Protein backbone atom coordinates (compact mmCIF):
# COMPACT_ATOMS: atom_id res chain seq x y z
CA MET A 1 0.15 0.02 -0.07
CA LEU A 2 1.32 3.41 -0.76
CA PRO A 3 1.53 6.28 1.74
CA ILE A 4 -0.50 8.95 1.99
CA ILE A 5 0.92 12.21 0.62
CA THR A 6 -0.40 14.99 2.93
CA GLU A 7 -0.96 18.70 1.81
CA GLU A 8 1.98 19.46 4.13
CA ILE A 9 4.50 16.86 2.19
CA SER A 10 3.06 18.39 -1.14
CA THR A 11 3.84 21.85 -0.04
CA GLU A 12 7.25 21.21 1.00
CA ILE A 13 8.22 19.44 -2.15
CA PHE A 14 6.47 21.92 -4.50
CA GLY A 15 8.47 24.63 -2.69
CA GLU A 16 11.68 22.85 -3.31
CA VAL A 17 10.83 22.09 -6.88
CA PHE A 18 9.54 25.44 -7.88
CA GLN A 19 12.64 27.28 -6.71
CA ASP A 20 14.28 26.42 -9.91
CA VAL A 21 12.78 23.47 -11.84
CA GLN A 22 15.51 22.82 -14.22
CA ALA A 23 18.04 22.52 -11.28
CA TRP A 24 15.90 20.28 -9.11
CA ARG A 25 15.15 17.83 -12.07
CA LYS A 26 18.83 17.53 -12.77
CA SER A 27 19.62 16.87 -8.88
CA MET A 28 16.72 14.27 -9.01
CA VAL A 29 18.61 12.72 -11.99
CA GLN A 30 21.80 12.42 -9.98
CA TYR A 31 20.29 11.44 -6.71
CA LEU A 32 18.30 8.48 -8.37
CA LYS A 33 21.28 7.47 -10.28
CA GLU A 34 22.76 6.54 -6.88
CA GLU A 35 19.67 5.90 -4.82
CA ASN A 36 17.65 3.78 -7.19
CA PRO A 37 19.30 3.41 -10.74
CA GLU A 38 16.56 0.96 -11.95
CA ILE A 39 14.00 3.73 -11.38
CA ASN A 40 15.78 6.29 -13.03
CA THR A 41 16.46 4.04 -15.99
CA ALA A 42 12.80 3.40 -16.20
CA ILE A 43 11.77 7.04 -16.03
CA LEU A 44 14.14 7.85 -18.76
CA GLU A 45 13.19 4.98 -20.98
CA VAL A 46 9.46 6.04 -20.63
CA ALA A 47 10.17 9.62 -21.20
CA LYS A 48 11.96 8.97 -24.59
CA TYR A 49 9.65 6.19 -25.83
CA ASP A 50 7.25 8.65 -27.62
CA GLU A 51 8.77 11.45 -29.55
CA GLY A 52 5.51 13.30 -29.44
CA ILE A 53 5.86 14.10 -25.72
CA ASP A 54 8.13 16.31 -23.76
CA LEU A 55 10.86 14.26 -22.14
CA LYS A 56 11.89 16.74 -19.52
CA ALA A 57 8.09 17.03 -18.45
CA VAL A 58 7.62 13.40 -18.42
CA ALA A 59 10.71 13.11 -16.37
CA LEU A 60 9.98 15.92 -13.91
CA GLY A 61 6.50 14.54 -13.17
CA ALA A 62 7.84 11.06 -12.44
CA TYR A 63 10.74 12.36 -10.29
CA LEU A 64 8.22 14.64 -8.48
CA THR A 65 5.96 11.41 -7.74
CA TYR A 66 8.84 9.55 -6.63
CA ARG A 67 9.99 12.23 -4.07
CA LEU A 68 6.32 12.78 -2.83
CA VAL A 69 6.02 9.08 -2.16
CA GLU A 70 9.59 8.71 -0.77
CA ILE A 71 8.95 11.50 1.95
CA ALA A 72 5.46 10.05 2.57
CA THR A 73 7.08 6.58 3.21
CA GLU A 74 9.61 8.15 5.45
CA ASN A 75 6.98 9.92 7.50
CA ASP A 76 5.03 6.69 7.84
CA VAL A 77 8.08 4.78 8.92
CA LEU A 78 8.86 7.20 11.68
CA ALA A 79 5.17 7.41 12.75
CA ILE A 80 5.38 3.58 13.14
CA GLU A 81 8.77 3.77 15.15
CA GLU A 82 7.43 6.54 17.59
CA GLY A 83 4.00 4.88 18.17
């Protein structure tokens, strides 16, 4: 089951992303290359599968989703450990 992504989490991540979208996307590429290279490869493969779509936009959406789920999961784990 996926964790709940709260408004607080969304606000935090959107704040990070929208300070500099291009820099954030590039940092996520590097982060996922180290943290989870299979996910990074999958995102890039899907993004370049169809020439009619914007590769950077698809990747940005996927990285944003990954980060939201990652933070929500970390919060769930902390809540379980504290509870």
